[in-house]
Amino acid sequence: VNFDMNITDVLFTEMFKQVETLQKFAPIFEKAAGKFSTKLSFNSLLQKDMMPDLASLIGNGSFSTKSVGLSNVPALTALASSLKRSDLASTTIKDLGLIFEIKDGKLNTKPFDVTVGGIKMNLGGATGLDKSIAYLGKVQLPSSMNLGKFSTVGLKIGGTFMKPIIKTFPTTKFIGMNSVISYSDYRIGELWGNFMPRRNEIQNTIGTEL
């Protein structure tokens, strides 16, 4: 089955209740207050009950919101504890936009910029059908947290949605390859095919996850 969706200004909680795909791939929607817009195209095999087989789902799209309130999100609570900023556990994010793809049972988000409680972050990664999360990025700490000067640290979020694991580390260089693609000329496989044979050339890595 092929499906295209174009939704404008719909409540997070209402859409979460109605769409199983969001329940599986975006559990954070249940904790979100506000409205969002999205464009999504995907295809999937059908199960015997004629519902999409989420494990076979392949798609891509975009997401945006002018304002979203988040509270009781385990990853935010863990981040607040790690950075010693209790106010981050409940926060409102303004003007958030991101691009994503769904493949192999994972929702992959391209790196995006977000400001949480005055802290600027750049994050990218994936959420799996099994509720696993794997995000990597950087955090720019404000002067009030770093003795009068800005400092950028690396951020790794792993574990699961309900039991996240937060790790920060010194500033890290991200190495990879880029290519100009479009939805009609989607060549992610080709890009990975060029990168993977050369990944062992990267020195001083902090892990093996890609």
C-alpha atoms as a PDB file:
ATOM      1  CA  VAL A   1       0.000   0.000   0.000  1.00  0.00           C
ATOM      2  CA  ASN A   2       1.165   3.558  -0.780  1.00  0.00           C
ATOM      3  CA  PHE A   3       0.078   6.452   1.359  1.00  0.00           C
ATOM      4  CA  ASP A   4       0.589  10.232   1.347  1.00  0.00           C
ATOM      5  CA  MET A   5      -0.292  12.474   4.289  1.00  0.00           C
ATOM      6  CA  ASN A   6      -0.334  16.263   4.517  1.00  0.00           C
ATOM      7  CA  ILE A   7      -1.577  17.558   7.874  1.00  0.00           C
ATOM      8  CA  THR A   8      -1.577  21.127   9.192  1.00  0.00           C
ATOM      9  CA  ASP A   9      -1.940  22.300  12.804  1.00  0.00           C
ATOM     10  CA  VAL A  10      -3.206  19.125  14.462  1.00  0.00           C
ATOM     11  CA  LEU A  11      -2.932  18.353  18.182  1.00  0.00           C
ATOM     12  CA  PHE A  12      -0.085  16.027  19.163  1.00  0.00           C
ATOM     13  CA  THR A  13      -2.186  14.044  21.626  1.00  0.00           C
ATOM     14  CA  GLU A  14      -5.165  13.565  19.301  1.00  0.00           C
ATOM     15  CA  MET A  15      -3.026  12.311  16.424  1.00  0.00           C
ATOM     16  CA  PHE A  16      -1.076  10.026  18.763  1.00  0.00           C
ATOM     17  CA  LYS A  17      -4.304   8.313  19.888  1.00  0.00           C
ATOM     18  CA  GLN A  18      -5.459   7.687  16.307  1.00  0.00           C
ATOM     19  CA  VAL A  19      -2.306   6.694  14.422  1.00  0.00           C
ATOM     20  CA  GLU A  20      -0.497   3.475  15.402  1.00  0.00           C
ATOM     21  CA  THR A  21       2.591   4.490  13.415  1.00  0.00           C
ATOM     22  CA  LEU A  22       3.126   7.467  15.738  1.00  0.00           C
ATOM     23  CA  GLN A  23       2.557   5.318  18.813  1.00  0.00           C
ATOM     24  CA  LYS A  24       5.389   3.039  17.688  1.00  0.00           C
ATOM     25  CA  PHE A  25       7.843   5.438  16.077  1.00  0.00           C
ATOM     26  CA  ALA A  26       7.200   8.681  18.000  1.00  0.00           C
ATOM     27  CA  PRO A  27       6.174   7.865  21.598  1.00  0.00           C
ATOM     28  CA  ILE A  28       7.231  11.386  22.599  1.00  0.00           C
ATOM     29  CA  PHE A  29       4.021  12.668  20.970  1.00  0.00           C
ATOM     30  CA  GLU A  30       2.061  11.351  23.949  1.00  0.00           C
ATOM     31  CA  LYS A  31       4.036  13.735  26.185  1.00  0.00           C
ATOM     32  CA  ALA A  32       3.683  16.755  23.879  1.00  0.00           C
ATOM     33  CA  ALA A  33       1.283  19.679  24.179  1.00  0.00           C
ATOM     34  CA  GLY A  34       0.583  21.857  21.163  1.00  0.00           C
ATOM     35  CA  LYS A  35       0.027  21.495  17.431  1.00  0.00           C
ATOM     36  CA  PHE A  36       2.205  20.298  14.580  1.00  0.00           C
ATOM     37  CA  SER A  37       2.216  19.974  10.800  1.00  0.00           C
ATOM     38  CA  THR A  38       3.675  17.135   8.763  1.00  0.00           C
ATOM     39  CA  LYS A  39       4.080  15.796   5.235  1.00  0.00           C
ATOM     40  CA  LEU A  40       4.641  12.057   4.949  1.00  0.00           C
ATOM     41  CA  SER A  41       4.879   9.589   2.085  1.00  0.00           C
ATOM     42  CA  PHE A  42       5.320   5.876   2.689  1.00  0.00           C
ATOM     43  CA  ASN A  43       4.646   2.386   1.393  1.00  0.00           C
ATOM     44  CA  SER A  44       4.188  -0.798   3.354  1.00  0.00           C
ATOM     45  CA  LEU A  45       3.118  -4.409   3.121  1.00  0.00           C
ATOM     46  CA  LEU A  46      -0.309  -5.208   4.553  1.00  0.00           C
ATOM     47  CA  GLN A  47      -1.050  -7.680   7.330  1.00  0.00           C
ATOM     48  CA  LYS A  48      -3.990 -10.099   7.243  1.00  0.00           C
ATOM     49  CA  ASP A  49      -6.179  -7.496   8.974  1.00  0.00           C
ATOM     50  CA  MET A  50      -5.273  -5.047   6.168  1.00  0.00           C
ATOM     51  CA  MET A  51      -3.280  -2.852   8.548  1.00  0.00           C
ATOM     52  CA  PRO A  52       0.257  -1.747   7.554  1.00  0.00           C
ATOM     53  CA  ASP A  53       3.130  -4.017   8.548  1.00  0.00           C
ATOM     54  CA  LEU A  54       5.250  -1.402  10.327  1.00  0.00           C
ATOM     55  CA  ALA A  55       8.428  -3.483  10.092  1.00  0.00           C
ATOM     56  CA  SER A  56       8.213  -3.285   6.282  1.00  0.00           C
ATOM     57  CA  LEU A  57       7.338   0.419   6.160  1.00  0.00           C
ATOM     58  CA  ILE A  58       9.541   2.704   4.043  1.00  0.00           C
ATOM     59  CA  GLY A  59       8.916   6.419   3.894  1.00  0.00           C
ATOM     60  CA  ASN A  60      10.101   9.972   4.343  1.00  0.00           C
ATOM     61  CA  GLY A  61       8.703  13.333   5.294  1.00  0.00           C
ATOM     62  CA  SER A  62       8.991  16.561   7.237  1.00  0.00           C
ATOM     63  CA  PHE A  63       7.700  17.821  10.566  1.00  0.00           C
ATOM     64  CA  SER A  64       7.287  21.297  12.048  1.00  0.00           C
ATOM     65  CA  THR A  65       5.743  22.980  15.058  1.00  0.00           C
ATOM     66  CA  LYS A  66       5.568  26.603  16.148  1.00  0.00           C
ATOM     67  CA  SER A  67       5.458  25.631  19.816  1.00  0.00           C
ATOM     68  CA  VAL A  68       5.471  22.356  21.738  1.00  0.00           C
ATOM     69  CA  GLY A  69       5.403  21.841  25.482  1.00  0.00           C
ATOM     70  CA  LEU A  70       7.185  18.755  26.810  1.00  0.00           C
ATOM     71  CA  SER A  71       6.987  17.270  30.295  1.00  0.00           C
ATOM     72  CA  ASN A  72       7.576  13.848  31.844  1.00  0.00           C
ATOM     73  CA  VAL A  73       9.804  12.878  28.917  1.00  0.00           C
ATOM     74  CA  PRO A  74      12.445  10.471  30.323  1.00  0.00           C
ATOM     75  CA  ALA A  75      15.208  11.713  28.003  1.00  0.00           C
ATOM     76  CA  LEU A  76      14.634  15.339  29.030  1.00  0.00           C
ATOM     77  CA  THR A  77      14.569  14.372  32.697  1.00  0.00           C
ATOM     78  CA  ALA A  78      17.861  12.495  32.278  1.00  0.00           C
ATOM     79  CA  LEU A  79      19.377  15.402  30.334  1.00  0.00           C
ATOM     80  CA  ALA A  80      18.289  17.846  33.040  1.00  0.00           C
ATOM     81  CA  SER A  81      20.039  15.686  35.620  1.00  0.00           C
ATOM     82  CA  SER A  82      23.200  15.320  33.523  1.00  0.00           C
ATOM     83  CA  LEU A  83      23.509  19.084  32.916  1.00  0.00           C
ATOM     84  CA  LYS A  84      22.302  19.973  36.424  1.00  0.00           C
ATOM     85  CA  ARG A  85      19.457  22.034  34.999  1.00  0.00           C
ATOM     86  CA  SER A  86      16.203  20.907  36.631  1.00  0.00           C
ATOM     87  CA  ASP A  87      14.197  23.385  34.541  1.00  0.00           C
ATOM     88  CA  LEU A  88      14.889  21.331  31.393  1.00  0.00           C
ATOM     89  CA  ALA A  89      12.650  18.501  32.633  1.00  0.00           C
ATOM     90  CA  SER A  90       9.586  20.546  31.629  1.00  0.00           C
ATOM     91  CA  THR A  91      10.097  22.962  28.770  1.00  0.00           C
ATOM     92  CA  THR A  92       8.595  24.600  25.692  1.00  0.00           C
ATOM     93  CA  ILE A  93      10.355  24.438  22.333  1.00  0.00           C
ATOM     94  CA  LYS A  94       9.676  27.069  19.672  1.00  0.00           C
ATOM     95  CA  ASP A  95       9.890  26.849  15.874  1.00  0.00           C
ATOM     96  CA  LEU A  96      11.097  23.275  15.536  1.00  0.00           C
ATOM     97  CA  GLY A  97      11.476  21.702  12.106  1.00  0.00           C
ATOM     98  CA  LEU A  98      13.038  18.441  10.964  1.00  0.00           C
ATOM     99  CA  ILE A  99      13.277  15.958   8.100  1.00  0.00           C
ATOM    100  CA  PHE A 100      13.031  12.209   8.615  1.00  0.00           C
ATOM    101  CA  GLU A 101      12.912   8.836   6.890  1.00  0.00           C
ATOM    102  CA  ILE A 102      11.489   5.494   7.989  1.00  0.00           C
ATOM    103  CA  LYS A 103      13.290   2.291   7.051  1.00  0.00           C
ATOM    104  CA  ASP A 104      14.215  -1.063   8.599  1.00  0.00           C
ATOM    105  CA  GLY A 105      11.932  -0.513  11.575  1.00  0.00           C
ATOM    106  CA  LYS A 106      13.481   2.830  12.509  1.00  0.00           C
ATOM    107  CA  LEU A 107      12.535   6.475  12.209  1.00  0.00           C
ATOM    108  CA  ASN A 108      15.753   8.288  11.301  1.00  0.00           C
ATOM    109  CA  THR A 109      15.937  12.028  11.888  1.00  0.00           C
ATOM    110  CA  LYS A 110      18.445  14.172  10.060  1.00  0.00           C
ATOM    111  CA  PRO A 111      20.474  16.536  12.298  1.00  0.00           C
ATOM    112  CA  PHE A 112      18.364  19.495  13.421  1.00  0.00           C
ATOM    113  CA  ASP A 113      18.841  22.554  15.626  1.00  0.00           C
ATOM    114  CA  VAL A 114      16.787  23.036  18.766  1.00  0.00           C
ATOM    115  CA  THR A 115      16.980  25.354  21.792  1.00  0.00           C
ATOM    116  CA  VAL A 116      15.874  23.953  25.156  1.00  0.00           C
ATOM    117  CA  GLY A 117      15.876  26.236  28.168  1.00  0.00           C
ATOM    118  CA  GLY A 118      18.375  28.585  26.531  1.00  0.00           C
ATOM    119  CA  ILE A 119      20.717  25.716  25.636  1.00  0.00           C
ATOM    120  CA  LYS A 120      21.383  25.294  21.922  1.00  0.00           C
ATOM    121  CA  MET A 121      21.606  21.732  20.616  1.00  0.00           C
ATOM    122  CA  ASN A 122      22.085  19.966  17.316  1.00  0.00           C
ATOM    123  CA  LEU A 123      20.792  16.391  17.298  1.00  0.00           C
ATOM    124  CA  GLY A 124      20.216  13.580  14.841  1.00  0.00           C
ATOM    125  CA  GLY A 125      19.487   9.885  15.216  1.00  0.00           C
ATOM    126  CA  ALA A 126      16.850   7.196  15.294  1.00  0.00           C
ATOM    127  CA  THR A 127      13.919   5.755  17.234  1.00  0.00           C
ATOM    128  CA  GLY A 128      13.088   2.083  16.681  1.00  0.00           C
ATOM    129  CA  LEU A 129       9.894   0.057  16.752  1.00  0.00           C
ATOM    130  CA  ASP A 130      11.290  -1.573  19.897  1.00  0.00           C
ATOM    131  CA  LYS A 131      11.380   1.928  21.516  1.00  0.00           C
ATOM    132  CA  SER A 132      15.180   2.003  21.324  1.00  0.00           C
ATOM    133  CA  ILE A 133      16.718   5.442  20.828  1.00  0.00           C
ATOM    134  CA  ALA A 134      20.118   6.393  19.429  1.00  0.00           C
ATOM    135  CA  TYR A 135      20.858  10.093  19.016  1.00  0.00           C
ATOM    136  CA  LEU A 136      24.143  11.925  18.687  1.00  0.00           C
ATOM    137  CA  GLY A 137      24.861  15.637  18.649  1.00  0.00           C
ATOM    138  CA  LYS A 138      26.358  18.605  20.402  1.00  0.00           C
ATOM    139  CA  VAL A 139      25.284  21.023  23.097  1.00  0.00           C
ATOM    140  CA  GLN A 140      26.386  24.630  23.441  1.00  0.00           C
ATOM    141  CA  LEU A 141      26.437  25.484  27.126  1.00  0.00           C
ATOM    142  CA  PRO A 142      25.631  29.115  27.995  1.00  0.00           C
ATOM    143  CA  SER A 143      28.121  31.310  29.833  1.00  0.00           C
ATOM    144  CA  SER A 144      26.237  30.908  33.129  1.00  0.00           C
ATOM    145  CA  MET A 145      27.114  27.203  33.089  1.00  0.00           C
ATOM    146  CA  ASN A 146      30.725  27.544  32.000  1.00  0.00           C
ATOM    147  CA  LEU A 147      32.499  30.223  34.025  1.00  0.00           C
ATOM    148  CA  GLY A 148      31.708  33.134  31.728  1.00  0.00           C
ATOM    149  CA  LYS A 149      32.411  31.542  28.342  1.00  0.00           C
ATOM    150  CA  PHE A 150      30.641  29.317  25.861  1.00  0.00           C
ATOM    151  CA  SER A 151      31.593  25.677  25.623  1.00  0.00           C
ATOM    152  CA  THR A 152      30.415  22.974  23.256  1.00  0.00           C
ATOM    153  CA  VAL A 153      30.213  19.363  24.396  1.00  0.00           C
ATOM    154  CA  GLY A 154      29.173  16.207  22.613  1.00  0.00           C
ATOM    155  CA  LEU A 155      25.913  14.494  23.548  1.00  0.00           C
ATOM    156  CA  LYS A 156      24.920  10.855  23.131  1.00  0.00           C
ATOM    157  CA  ILE A 157      21.438   9.569  23.958  1.00  0.00           C
ATOM    158  CA  GLY A 158      20.950   5.799  23.946  1.00  0.00           C
ATOM    159  CA  GLY A 159      18.931   3.121  25.692  1.00  0.00           C
ATOM    160  CA  THR A 160      15.168   3.152  25.272  1.00  0.00           C
ATOM    161  CA  PHE A 161      12.485   5.819  25.355  1.00  0.00           C
ATOM    162  CA  MET A 162      11.500   4.922  28.926  1.00  0.00           C
ATOM    163  CA  LYS A 163      15.056   4.222  30.123  1.00  0.00           C
ATOM    164  CA  PRO A 164      17.381   6.588  28.279  1.00  0.00           C
ATOM    165  CA  ILE A 165      21.133   6.717  28.810  1.00  0.00           C
ATOM    166  CA  ILE A 166      22.712  10.172  28.544  1.00  0.00           C
ATOM    167  CA  LYS A 167      26.420  10.693  27.976  1.00  0.00           C
ATOM    168  CA  THR A 168      28.345  13.916  27.408  1.00  0.00           C
ATOM    169  CA  PHE A 169      31.908  14.087  26.136  1.00  0.00           C
ATOM    170  CA  PRO A 170      34.464  16.700  25.003  1.00  0.00           C
ATOM    171  CA  THR A 171      34.005  18.505  21.712  1.00  0.00           C
ATOM    172  CA  THR A 172      34.089  15.994  18.895  1.00  0.00           C
ATOM    173  CA  LYS A 173      34.615  16.309  15.169  1.00  0.00           C
ATOM    174  CA  PHE A 174      31.989  14.549  13.071  1.00  0.00           C
ATOM    175  CA  ILE A 175      33.384  12.984   9.929  1.00  0.00           C
ATOM    176  CA  GLY A 176      31.410  11.710   6.992  1.00  0.00           C
ATOM    177  CA  MET A 177      30.458  12.254   3.362  1.00  0.00           C
ATOM    178  CA  ASN A 178      27.751  14.413   1.860  1.00  0.00           C
ATOM    179  CA  SER A 179      25.736  14.441  -1.307  1.00  0.00           C
ATOM    180  CA  VAL A 180      22.952  16.526  -2.810  1.00  0.00           C
ATOM    181  CA  ILE A 181      19.777  14.416  -3.102  1.00  0.00           C
ATOM    182  CA  SER A 182      16.041  14.932  -3.350  1.00  0.00           C
ATOM    183  CA  TYR A 183      12.892  12.939  -2.675  1.00  0.00           C
ATOM    184  CA  SER A 184      12.704  12.035  -6.371  1.00  0.00           C
ATOM    185  CA  ASP A 185      16.393  11.085  -6.493  1.00  0.00           C
ATOM    186  CA  TYR A 186      16.840   9.478  -3.084  1.00  0.00           C
ATOM    187  CA  ARG A 187      20.324   7.898  -3.069  1.00  0.00           C
ATOM    188  CA  ILE A 188      21.012   7.277   0.620  1.00  0.00           C
ATOM    189  CA  GLY A 189      22.036   3.685  -0.155  1.00  0.00           C
ATOM    190  CA  GLU A 190      24.647   4.889  -2.646  1.00  0.00           C
ATOM    191  CA  LEU A 191      26.024   7.391  -0.111  1.00  0.00           C
ATOM    192  CA  TRP A 192      26.365   4.697   2.567  1.00  0.00           C
ATOM    193  CA  GLY A 193      27.939   2.385  -0.004  1.00  0.00           C
ATOM    194  CA  ASN A 194      30.681   4.957  -0.646  1.00  0.00           C
ATOM    195  CA  PHE A 195      31.223   5.713   3.040  1.00  0.00           C
ATOM    196  CA  MET A 196      31.277   2.279   4.663  1.00  0.00           C
ATOM    197  CA  PRO A 197      34.433   0.926   2.913  1.00  0.00           C
ATOM    198  CA  ARG A 198      36.360   3.964   4.231  1.00  0.00           C
ATOM    199  CA  ARG A 199      35.021   4.117   7.811  1.00  0.00           C
ATOM    200  CA  ASN A 200      38.145   2.446   9.221  1.00  0.00           C
ATOM    201  CA  GLU A 201      40.192   5.443   8.043  1.00  0.00           C
ATOM    202  CA  ILE A 202      38.636   7.535  10.824  1.00  0.00           C
ATOM    203  CA  GLN A 203      41.027   7.874  13.752  1.00  0.00           C
ATOM    204  CA  ASN A 204      40.335   8.396  17.466  1.00  0.00           C
ATOM    205  CA  THR A 205      36.701   7.288  17.283  1.00  0.00           C
ATOM    206  CA  ILE A 206      34.548   7.328  20.430  1.00  0.00           C
ATOM    207  CA  GLY A 207      32.442   4.349  19.380  1.00  0.00           C
ATOM    208  CA  THR A 208      31.402   2.068  16.532  1.00  0.00           C
ATOM    209  CA  GLU A 209      27.818   3.296  16.071  1.00  0.00           C
ATOM    210  CA  LEU A 210      26.985   5.034  12.782  1.00  0.00           C
END
